[in-house]
Amino acid sequence: MNLVVRIHDREIDLSNSPVVIRGKERYQTSRALYYLLRTLNLIPRLYGIQANDPLEGWKRGFKERFRSILRSNLEPGKVILDGSFRLDTGPLLITGELKGWDCQADVVLKESPAEVEAGVKGMIQVDSFFFSKMWRPRPFLVPGSKDGILAGFHRFLLLQTEGAPGIPKTLGIIAEFINSIVLPHNFKAEVLGHDITVNVNEGLYLDGSPLYNADPEVLSVIAMRLAVGFAPEGSVLIVEDPEAHLSAESRGEVMRALSSFKGTLILVTEDEGFQKIKKT
């Protein structure tokens, strides 16, 4: 299965990993890519829709759900995205325009099942056909300001015994990053010779001191290690400015971690070294 995304005039082929996004509008592109993929991943099965024409009913339902889910992810955090987009999933072509935290979308059915029956049975037939052919990977985003985000919000990474973990969606991409990582209370790790442990009431500690006292280099490496560890095989990992704050030693560690990722890697960077990274 393949998925090709066009945002503005930039085409991103997710089968050709790693992909490098660079240039003046690289952050707008990476965040639009994240939210579009997130929307596609969250689309539910649609066989419950009632329609006289199962194909047209499914198409209408998909379009409505796509717009609704995208808006529900953008609007709480007032994430403003603008420009045209095109997602070619193989059997389905989704085109549209991002307008602030809203969008217009259209759907073209490039393929369709033969001899679709009427009624509920036909809807199940159509729904199964498209969902079996679409690749809908879950995306993960590591923002360029990952070190500051981790320093400020590290205590929200811990698994909560009461209530939901994480932070509100009103914090936009900060919430998307923090809420993608949930650490158990017995979490331990070693990064660049430093010991990371958990204080249940206060969050992560580095060598016995709260994580917000760590320098940006260590914070950046921790963020990258956690992101690679929590993005499962087959997912899409979008990493902005992987080179930020890194020394020669830590660059090597981050490059090795990213090279080992078993999914689609998207690097948003102007750094020539990271642009040449190879998957192992």
C-alpha atoms as a PDB file:
ATOM      1  CA  MET A   1       0.000   0.000   0.000  1.00  0.00           C
ATOM      2  CA  ASN A   2       1.122   3.564  -0.660  1.00  0.00           C
ATOM      3  CA  LEU A   3       0.155   7.081   0.312  1.00  0.00           C
ATOM      4  CA  VAL A   4       1.202  10.226  -1.541  1.00  0.00           C
ATOM      5  CA  VAL A   5       0.430  13.614  -0.021  1.00  0.00           C
ATOM      6  CA  ARG A   6       0.680  16.941  -1.818  1.00  0.00           C
ATOM      7  CA  ILE A   7       0.637  20.096   0.330  1.00  0.00           C
ATOM      8  CA  HIS A   8       0.789  23.363  -1.600  1.00  0.00           C
ATOM      9  CA  ASP A   9       3.172  22.350  -4.439  1.00  0.00           C
ATOM     10  CA  ARG A  10       5.240  19.879  -2.406  1.00  0.00           C
ATOM     11  CA  GLU A  11       4.710  16.157  -3.011  1.00  0.00           C
ATOM     12  CA  ILE A  12       5.547  13.717  -0.217  1.00  0.00           C
ATOM     13  CA  ASP A  13       5.698  10.020  -1.089  1.00  0.00           C
ATOM     14  CA  LEU A  14       5.458   8.095   2.190  1.00  0.00           C
ATOM     15  CA  SER A  15       6.769   4.912   0.563  1.00  0.00           C
ATOM     16  CA  ASN A  16      10.133   6.585  -0.018  1.00  0.00           C
ATOM     17  CA  SER A  17      11.470   6.824   3.550  1.00  0.00           C
ATOM     18  CA  PRO A  18      13.277   8.771   4.864  1.00  0.00           C
ATOM     19  CA  VAL A  19      11.659  11.886   3.395  1.00  0.00           C
ATOM     20  CA  VAL A  20      13.267  15.311   3.875  1.00  0.00           C
ATOM     21  CA  ILE A  21      11.174  18.471   4.055  1.00  0.00           C
ATOM     22  CA  ARG A  22      13.163  21.669   3.788  1.00  0.00           C
ATOM     23  CA  GLY A  23      12.705  25.233   2.632  1.00  0.00           C
ATOM     24  CA  LYS A  24      10.923  28.341   3.818  1.00  0.00           C
ATOM     25  CA  GLU A  25       7.544  26.753   4.625  1.00  0.00           C
ATOM     26  CA  ARG A  26       8.838  23.471   6.047  1.00  0.00           C
ATOM     27  CA  TYR A  27       7.111  23.819   9.441  1.00  0.00           C
ATOM     28  CA  GLN A  28       3.731  24.685   7.925  1.00  0.00           C
ATOM     29  CA  THR A  29       4.147  21.686   5.617  1.00  0.00           C
ATOM     30  CA  SER A  30       5.141  19.236   8.358  1.00  0.00           C
ATOM     31  CA  ARG A  31       2.247  20.279  10.602  1.00  0.00           C
ATOM     32  CA  ALA A  32      -0.298  20.163   7.797  1.00  0.00           C
ATOM     33  CA  LEU A  33       1.025  16.695   6.929  1.00  0.00           C
ATOM     34  CA  TYR A  34       0.681  15.589  10.552  1.00  0.00           C
ATOM     35  CA  TYR A  35      -2.908  16.763  10.954  1.00  0.00           C
ATOM     36  CA  LEU A  36      -4.005  15.379   7.582  1.00  0.00           C
ATOM     37  CA  LEU A  37      -2.513  11.969   8.371  1.00  0.00           C
ATOM     38  CA  ARG A  38      -3.989  12.104  11.879  1.00  0.00           C
ATOM     39  CA  THR A  39      -7.411  12.805  10.409  1.00  0.00           C
ATOM     40  CA  LEU A  40      -7.122   9.927   7.924  1.00  0.00           C
ATOM     41  CA  ASN A  41      -6.011   7.600  10.723  1.00  0.00           C
ATOM     42  CA  LEU A  42      -9.009   8.538  12.903  1.00  0.00           C
ATOM     43  CA  ILE A  43     -11.706   8.007  10.256  1.00  0.00           C
ATOM     44  CA  PRO A  44     -14.077   5.341  11.665  1.00  0.00           C
ATOM     45  CA  ARG A  45     -15.709   2.545   9.711  1.00  0.00           C
ATOM     46  CA  LEU A  46     -18.711   3.917   7.821  1.00  0.00           C
ATOM     47  CA  TYR A  47     -20.907   0.895   7.129  1.00  0.00           C
ATOM     48  CA  GLY A  48     -23.627   2.187   9.483  1.00  0.00           C
ATOM     49  CA  ILE A  49     -24.633   4.971   7.091  1.00  0.00           C
ATOM     50  CA  GLN A  50     -28.009   4.465   5.445  1.00  0.00           C
ATOM     51  CA  ALA A  51     -28.171   5.327   1.738  1.00  0.00           C
ATOM     52  CA  ASN A  52     -30.037   4.186  -1.352  1.00  0.00           C
ATOM     53  CA  ASP A  53     -26.757   4.253  -3.304  1.00  0.00           C
ATOM     54  CA  PRO A  54     -24.049   2.663  -1.101  1.00  0.00           C
ATOM     55  CA  LEU A  55     -21.153   4.165  -3.097  1.00  0.00           C
ATOM     56  CA  GLU A  56     -22.492   7.723  -2.984  1.00  0.00           C
ATOM     57  CA  GLY A  57     -23.570   7.329   0.634  1.00  0.00           C
ATOM     58  CA  TRP A  58     -20.130   6.078   1.672  1.00  0.00           C
ATOM     59  CA  LYS A  59     -18.391   8.859  -0.271  1.00  0.00           C
ATOM     60  CA  ARG A  60     -20.594  11.530   1.337  1.00  0.00           C
ATOM     61  CA  GLY A  61     -20.064  10.061   4.788  1.00  0.00           C
ATOM     62  CA  PHE A  62     -16.282   9.896   4.340  1.00  0.00           C
ATOM     63  CA  LYS A  63     -16.128  13.527   3.232  1.00  0.00           C
ATOM     64  CA  GLU A  64     -18.226  14.707   6.168  1.00  0.00           C
ATOM     65  CA  ARG A  65     -16.211  12.701   8.700  1.00  0.00           C
ATOM     66  CA  PHE A  66     -12.894  13.892   7.253  1.00  0.00           C
ATOM     67  CA  ARG A  67     -13.821  17.565   7.596  1.00  0.00           C
ATOM     68  CA  SER A  68     -15.342  17.081  11.046  1.00  0.00           C
ATOM     69  CA  ILE A  69     -12.355  15.180  12.482  1.00  0.00           C
ATOM     70  CA  LEU A  70      -9.803  17.585  11.009  1.00  0.00           C
ATOM     71  CA  ARG A  71     -11.640  20.568  12.441  1.00  0.00           C
ATOM     72  CA  SER A  72     -12.003  18.899  15.864  1.00  0.00           C
ATOM     73  CA  ASN A  73      -8.210  18.477  15.987  1.00  0.00           C
ATOM     74  CA  LEU A  74      -7.345  22.004  14.804  1.00  0.00           C
ATOM     75  CA  GLU A  75      -9.963  24.219  16.430  1.00  0.00           C
ATOM     76  CA  PRO A  76      -9.330  23.559  20.177  1.00  0.00           C
ATOM     77  CA  GLY A  77      -5.683  24.639  19.888  1.00  0.00           C
ATOM     78  CA  LYS A  78      -6.434  27.329  17.286  1.00  0.00           C
ATOM     79  CA  VAL A  79      -3.938  25.646  14.950  1.00  0.00           C
ATOM     80  CA  ILE A  80      -4.074  27.730  11.775  1.00  0.00           C
ATOM     81  CA  LEU A  81      -3.159  26.002   8.513  1.00  0.00           C
ATOM     82  CA  ASP A  82      -3.677  27.398   5.023  1.00  0.00           C
ATOM     83  CA  GLY A  83      -3.248  26.003   1.541  1.00  0.00           C
ATOM     84  CA  SER A  84      -4.319  23.212  -0.754  1.00  0.00           C
ATOM     85  CA  PHE A  85      -3.810  19.519  -0.101  1.00  0.00           C
ATOM     86  CA  ARG A  86      -4.174  16.218  -1.938  1.00  0.00           C
ATOM     87  CA  LEU A  87      -4.030  12.724  -0.438  1.00  0.00           C
ATOM     88  CA  ASP A  88      -3.772   9.850  -2.888  1.00  0.00           C
ATOM     89  CA  THR A  89      -4.483   6.660  -0.940  1.00  0.00           C
ATOM     90  CA  GLY A  90      -4.727   4.426  -3.988  1.00  0.00           C
ATOM     91  CA  PRO A  91      -8.472   3.668  -4.224  1.00  0.00           C
ATOM     92  CA  LEU A  92      -9.400   7.083  -2.849  1.00  0.00           C
ATOM     93  CA  LEU A  93      -8.311  10.614  -3.751  1.00  0.00           C
ATOM     94  CA  ILE A  94      -8.954  13.354  -1.182  1.00  0.00           C
ATOM     95  CA  THR A  95      -8.425  16.961  -2.242  1.00  0.00           C
ATOM     96  CA  GLY A  96      -9.204  20.183  -0.490  1.00  0.00           C
ATOM     97  CA  GLU A  97      -8.215  23.498   1.001  1.00  0.00           C
ATOM     98  CA  LEU A  98      -7.087  24.247   4.547  1.00  0.00           C
ATOM     99  CA  LYS A  99      -8.578  27.526   5.798  1.00  0.00           C
ATOM    100  CA  GLY A 100      -7.454  28.466   9.291  1.00  0.00           C
ATOM    101  CA  TRP A 101      -8.735  25.636  11.485  1.00  0.00           C
ATOM    102  CA  ASP A 102     -11.376  24.611   8.985  1.00  0.00           C
ATOM    103  CA  CYS A 103     -11.181  22.941   5.575  1.00  0.00           C
ATOM    104  CA  GLN A 104     -13.063  22.110   2.423  1.00  0.00           C
ATOM    105  CA  ALA A 105     -12.641  18.595   1.102  1.00  0.00           C
ATOM    106  CA  ASP A 106     -13.755  16.508  -1.842  1.00  0.00           C
ATOM    107  CA  VAL A 107     -13.459  12.780  -2.447  1.00  0.00           C
ATOM    108  CA  VAL A 108     -12.963  10.907  -5.719  1.00  0.00           C
ATOM    109  CA  LEU A 109     -13.457   7.136  -5.771  1.00  0.00           C
ATOM    110  CA  LYS A 110     -10.686   5.941  -8.101  1.00  0.00           C
ATOM    111  CA  GLU A 111     -11.741   2.319  -7.663  1.00  0.00           C
ATOM    112  CA  SER A 112     -14.959   0.635  -6.596  1.00  0.00           C
ATOM    113  CA  PRO A 113     -16.137  -2.892  -5.870  1.00  0.00           C
ATOM    114  CA  ALA A 114     -17.999  -4.765  -8.566  1.00  0.00           C
ATOM    115  CA  GLU A 115     -21.727  -5.478  -8.289  1.00  0.00           C
ATOM    116  CA  VAL A 116     -22.506  -3.539  -5.136  1.00  0.00           C
ATOM    117  CA  GLU A 117     -25.702  -4.706  -3.494  1.00  0.00           C
ATOM    118  CA  ALA A 118     -28.334  -2.319  -2.178  1.00  0.00           C
ATOM    119  CA  GLY A 119     -28.972  -1.493   1.480  1.00  0.00           C
ATOM    120  CA  VAL A 120     -26.900  -2.319   4.550  1.00  0.00           C
ATOM    121  CA  LYS A 121     -25.154  -5.264   2.912  1.00  0.00           C
ATOM    122  CA  GLY A 122     -23.939  -3.000   0.124  1.00  0.00           C
ATOM    123  CA  MET A 123     -22.630  -0.416   2.619  1.00  0.00           C
ATOM    124  CA  ILE A 124     -20.641  -3.110   4.405  1.00  0.00           C
ATOM    125  CA  GLN A 125     -19.290  -4.301   1.056  1.00  0.00           C
ATOM    126  CA  VAL A 126     -18.205  -0.786   0.014  1.00  0.00           C
ATOM    127  CA  ASP A 127     -16.749   0.070   3.424  1.00  0.00           C
ATOM    128  CA  SER A 128     -14.738  -3.154   3.590  1.00  0.00           C
ATOM    129  CA  PHE A 129     -13.439  -2.597   0.065  1.00  0.00           C
ATOM    130  CA  PHE A 130     -11.996   0.859   0.744  1.00  0.00           C
ATOM    131  CA  PHE A 131     -10.709   0.268   4.269  1.00  0.00           C
ATOM    132  CA  SER A 132      -8.898  -2.899   3.156  1.00  0.00           C
ATOM    133  CA  LYS A 133      -7.076  -0.953   0.434  1.00  0.00           C
ATOM    134  CA  MET A 134      -6.245   2.313   2.239  1.00  0.00           C
ATOM    135  CA  TRP A 135      -3.043   2.736   4.213  1.00  0.00           C
ATOM    136  CA  ARG A 136      -3.875   4.903   7.215  1.00  0.00           C
ATOM    137  CA  PRO A 137      -0.704   5.053   9.332  1.00  0.00           C
ATOM    138  CA  ARG A 138      -0.745   6.810  12.681  1.00  0.00           C
ATOM    139  CA  PRO A 139       1.506   9.887  12.644  1.00  0.00           C
ATOM    140  CA  PHE A 140       3.717  11.155  15.474  1.00  0.00           C
ATOM    141  CA  LEU A 141       5.116  14.709  15.575  1.00  0.00           C
ATOM    142  CA  VAL A 142       8.301  15.855  17.333  1.00  0.00           C
ATOM    143  CA  PRO A 143       8.256  19.688  17.197  1.00  0.00           C
ATOM    144  CA  GLY A 144      11.415  21.708  16.708  1.00  0.00           C
ATOM    145  CA  SER A 145      10.993  23.186  20.213  1.00  0.00           C
ATOM    146  CA  LYS A 146      10.969  19.693  21.772  1.00  0.00           C
ATOM    147  CA  ASP A 147      13.541  20.547  24.450  1.00  0.00           C
ATOM    148  CA  GLY A 148      11.496  23.408  25.907  1.00  0.00           C
ATOM    149  CA  ILE A 149       8.243  21.449  25.635  1.00  0.00           C
ATOM    150  CA  LEU A 150       9.772  18.492  27.478  1.00  0.00           C
ATOM    151  CA  ALA A 151      11.223  20.738  30.198  1.00  0.00           C
ATOM    152  CA  GLY A 152       7.885  22.439  30.778  1.00  0.00           C
ATOM    153  CA  PHE A 153       5.511  19.476  30.518  1.00  0.00           C
ATOM    154  CA  HIS A 154       7.510  16.368  31.485  1.00  0.00           C
ATOM    155  CA  ARG A 155       5.348  15.546  34.511  1.00  0.00           C
ATOM    156  CA  PHE A 156       2.368  15.045  32.177  1.00  0.00           C
ATOM    157  CA  LEU A 157       4.139  12.131  30.490  1.00  0.00           C
ATOM    158  CA  LEU A 158       3.418   9.846  33.441  1.00  0.00           C
ATOM    159  CA  LEU A 159       0.611   7.320  33.462  1.00  0.00           C
ATOM    160  CA  GLN A 160      -2.191   8.589  35.704  1.00  0.00           C
ATOM    161  CA  THR A 161      -3.992   6.293  38.151  1.00  0.00           C
ATOM    162  CA  GLU A 162      -6.946   8.696  38.184  1.00  0.00           C
ATOM    163  CA  GLY A 163      -8.189  10.752  35.262  1.00  0.00           C
ATOM    164  CA  ALA A 164      -6.830  10.972  31.756  1.00  0.00           C
ATOM    165  CA  PRO A 165      -3.087  11.391  31.172  1.00  0.00           C
ATOM    166  CA  GLY A 166      -1.627  14.216  29.130  1.00  0.00           C
ATOM    167  CA  ILE A 167      -2.614  17.833  28.565  1.00  0.00           C
ATOM    168  CA  PRO A 168      -5.622  19.536  26.893  1.00  0.00           C
ATOM    169  CA  LYS A 169      -5.884  19.742  23.088  1.00  0.00           C
ATOM    170  CA  THR A 170      -6.128  23.521  23.520  1.00  0.00           C
ATOM    171  CA  LEU A 171      -2.306  23.472  23.610  1.00  0.00           C
ATOM    172  CA  GLY A 172      -2.151  22.433  19.954  1.00  0.00           C
ATOM    173  CA  ILE A 173       1.027  20.756  18.754  1.00  0.00           C
ATOM    174  CA  ILE A 174       2.429  20.768  22.297  1.00  0.00           C
ATOM    175  CA  ALA A 175      -0.418  18.468  23.297  1.00  0.00           C
ATOM    176  CA  GLU A 176       0.066  16.287  20.212  1.00  0.00           C
ATOM    177  CA  PHE A 177       3.687  15.650  21.239  1.00  0.00           C
ATOM    178  CA  ILE A 178       3.212  15.245  24.998  1.00  0.00           C
ATOM    179  CA  ASN A 179       0.087  13.084  24.707  1.00  0.00           C
ATOM    180  CA  SER A 180       1.817  10.652  22.334  1.00  0.00           C
ATOM    181  CA  ILE A 181       4.089   9.499  25.197  1.00  0.00           C
ATOM    182  CA  VAL A 182       2.829   7.752  28.341  1.00  0.00           C
ATOM    183  CA  LEU A 183       5.475   6.526  30.799  1.00  0.00           C
ATOM    184  CA  PRO A 184       4.968   3.981  33.586  1.00  0.00           C
ATOM    185  CA  HIS A 185       5.922   4.963  37.130  1.00  0.00           C
ATOM    186  CA  ASN A 186       8.869   2.540  37.095  1.00  0.00           C
ATOM    187  CA  PHE A 187      10.379   4.091  33.954  1.00  0.00           C
ATOM    188  CA  LYS A 188      14.182   4.339  33.917  1.00  0.00           C
ATOM    189  CA  ALA A 189      16.644   5.206  31.175  1.00  0.00           C
ATOM    190  CA  GLU A 190      20.213   6.306  30.595  1.00  0.00           C
ATOM    191  CA  VAL A 191      20.962   9.114  28.141  1.00  0.00           C
ATOM    192  CA  LEU A 192      24.451  10.490  27.431  1.00  0.00           C
ATOM    193  CA  GLY A 193      25.702   9.108  30.754  1.00  0.00           C
ATOM    194  CA  HIS A 194      22.789  10.573  32.741  1.00  0.00           C
ATOM    195  CA  ASP A 195      20.201   8.576  34.694  1.00  0.00           C
ATOM    196  CA  ILE A 196      16.523   9.352  34.105  1.00  0.00           C
ATOM    197  CA  THR A 197      14.106   8.302  36.828  1.00  0.00           C
ATOM    198  CA  VAL A 198      10.521   9.053  37.832  1.00  0.00           C
ATOM    199  CA  ASN A 199       9.190  11.010  40.785  1.00  0.00           C
ATOM    200  CA  VAL A 200       5.507  10.101  40.821  1.00  0.00           C
ATOM    201  CA  ASN A 201       4.428  13.529  42.076  1.00  0.00           C
ATOM    202  CA  GLU A 202       6.833  15.702  40.101  1.00  0.00           C
ATOM    203  CA  GLY A 203       7.646  13.921  36.843  1.00  0.00           C
ATOM    204  CA  LEU A 204      11.011  12.987  35.376  1.00  0.00           C
ATOM    205  CA  TYR A 205      14.307  13.516  37.159  1.00  0.00           C
ATOM    206  CA  LEU A 206      17.791  13.635  35.657  1.00  0.00           C
ATOM    207  CA  ASP A 207      20.571  12.547  38.030  1.00  0.00           C
ATOM    208  CA  GLY A 208      18.345  13.368  40.999  1.00  0.00           C
ATOM    209  CA  SER A 209      17.289  16.826  39.787  1.00  0.00           C
ATOM    210  CA  PRO A 210      14.006  17.840  38.100  1.00  0.00           C
ATOM    211  CA  LEU A 211      14.197  17.484  34.334  1.00  0.00           C
ATOM    212  CA  TYR A 212      13.636  21.199  33.716  1.00  0.00           C
ATOM    213  CA  ASN A 213      17.172  21.786  35.045  1.00  0.00           C
ATOM    214  CA  ALA A 214      18.718  19.697  32.234  1.00  0.00           C
ATOM    215  CA  ASP A 215      20.526  21.400  29.374  1.00  0.00           C
ATOM    216  CA  PRO A 216      18.897  21.585  25.901  1.00  0.00           C
ATOM    217  CA  GLU A 217      21.200  18.949  24.419  1.00  0.00           C
ATOM    218  CA  VAL A 218      20.161  16.282  26.925  1.00  0.00           C
ATOM    219  CA  LEU A 219      16.485  17.295  26.664  1.00  0.00           C
ATOM    220  CA  SER A 220      16.621  17.024  22.882  1.00  0.00           C
ATOM    221  CA  VAL A 221      18.135  13.539  22.986  1.00  0.00           C
ATOM    222  CA  ILE A 222      15.586  12.385  25.573  1.00  0.00           C
ATOM    223  CA  ALA A 223      12.728  13.716  23.427  1.00  0.00           C
ATOM    224  CA  MET A 224      14.037  11.906  20.349  1.00  0.00           C
ATOM    225  CA  ARG A 225      14.609   8.638  22.214  1.00  0.00           C
ATOM    226  CA  LEU A 226      11.098   8.721  23.677  1.00  0.00           C
ATOM    227  CA  ALA A 227       9.532   9.555  20.305  1.00  0.00           C
ATOM    228  CA  VAL A 228      11.282   6.706  18.495  1.00  0.00           C
ATOM    229  CA  GLY A 229      10.428   4.332  21.344  1.00  0.00           C
ATOM    230  CA  PHE A 230       6.711   5.159  21.380  1.00  0.00           C
ATOM    231  CA  ALA A 231       6.068   5.398  17.622  1.00  0.00           C
ATOM    232  CA  PRO A 232       5.218   1.786  16.685  1.00  0.00           C
ATOM    233  CA  GLU A 233       6.427  -0.084  13.640  1.00  0.00           C
ATOM    234  CA  GLY A 234       4.580   1.013  10.523  1.00  0.00           C
ATOM    235  CA  SER A 235       3.720   4.481  11.829  1.00  0.00           C
ATOM    236  CA  VAL A 236       4.923   7.858  10.488  1.00  0.00           C
ATOM    237  CA  LEU A 237       7.424   9.812  12.605  1.00  0.00           C
ATOM    238  CA  ILE A 238       7.759  13.507  11.700  1.00  0.00           C
ATOM    239  CA  VAL A 239      10.820  15.100  13.329  1.00  0.00           C
ATOM    240  CA  GLU A 240      11.448  18.836  13.114  1.00  0.00           C
ATOM    241  CA  ASP A 241      15.024  20.133  13.487  1.00  0.00           C
ATOM    242  CA  PRO A 242      16.574  16.842  14.685  1.00  0.00           C
ATOM    243  CA  GLU A 243      19.969  18.574  14.772  1.00  0.00           C
ATOM    244  CA  ALA A 244      18.977  21.273  17.291  1.00  0.00           C
ATOM    245  CA  HIS A 245      21.329  21.645  20.310  1.00  0.00           C
ATOM    246  CA  LEU A 246      23.302  18.493  19.480  1.00  0.00           C
ATOM    247  CA  SER A 247      27.041  17.996  19.876  1.00  0.00           C
ATOM    248  CA  ALA A 248      28.975  15.614  17.634  1.00  0.00           C
ATOM    249  CA  GLU A 249      28.498  12.807  20.191  1.00  0.00           C
ATOM    250  CA  SER A 250      24.765  13.280  20.602  1.00  0.00           C
ATOM    251  CA  ARG A 251      24.273  13.722  16.840  1.00  0.00           C
ATOM    252  CA  GLY A 252      25.599  10.222  16.378  1.00  0.00           C
ATOM    253  CA  GLU A 253      23.220   8.808  18.993  1.00  0.00           C
ATOM    254  CA  VAL A 254      20.186  10.559  17.504  1.00  0.00           C
ATOM    255  CA  MET A 255      21.111   9.494  13.966  1.00  0.00           C
ATOM    256  CA  ARG A 256      21.412   5.868  15.074  1.00  0.00           C
ATOM    257  CA  ALA A 257      18.036   6.034  16.829  1.00  0.00           C
ATOM    258  CA  LEU A 258      16.301   7.563  13.797  1.00  0.00           C
ATOM    259  CA  SER A 259      17.982   5.117  11.405  1.00  0.00           C
ATOM    260  CA  SER A 260      16.590   2.200  13.406  1.00  0.00           C
ATOM    261  CA  PHE A 261      12.983   3.422  13.279  1.00  0.00           C
ATOM    262  CA  LYS A 262      10.760   0.764  11.683  1.00  0.00           C
ATOM    263  CA  GLY A 263       8.314   3.064   9.957  1.00  0.00           C
ATOM    264  CA  THR A 264       8.148   6.079   7.667  1.00  0.00           C
ATOM    265  CA  LEU A 265      10.588   8.773   8.762  1.00  0.00           C
ATOM    266  CA  ILE A 266       9.977  12.435   7.833  1.00  0.00           C
ATOM    267  CA  LEU A 267      12.848  14.802   8.648  1.00  0.00           C
ATOM    268  CA  VAL A 268      12.143  18.547   8.642  1.00  0.00           C
ATOM    269  CA  THR A 269      15.610  20.029   8.463  1.00  0.00           C
ATOM    270  CA  GLU A 270      18.137  22.164   6.612  1.00  0.00           C
ATOM    271  CA  ASP A 271      21.015  20.158   8.114  1.00  0.00           C
ATOM    272  CA  GLU A 272      22.947  18.371   5.363  1.00  0.00           C
ATOM    273  CA  GLY A 273      24.067  15.545   7.655  1.00  0.00           C
ATOM    274  CA  PHE A 274      20.538  14.614   8.685  1.00  0.00           C
ATOM    275  CA  GLN A 275      19.350  14.962   5.094  1.00  0.00           C
ATOM    276  CA  LYS A 276      21.679  12.066   4.211  1.00  0.00           C
ATOM    277  CA  ILE A 277      20.497   9.724   6.960  1.00  0.00           C
ATOM    278  CA  LYS A 278      19.859   6.128   5.859  1.00  0.00           C
ATOM    279  CA  LYS A 279      17.428   3.601   7.348  1.00  0.00           C
ATOM    280  CA  THR A 280      18.994   0.422   8.743  1.00  0.00           C
END
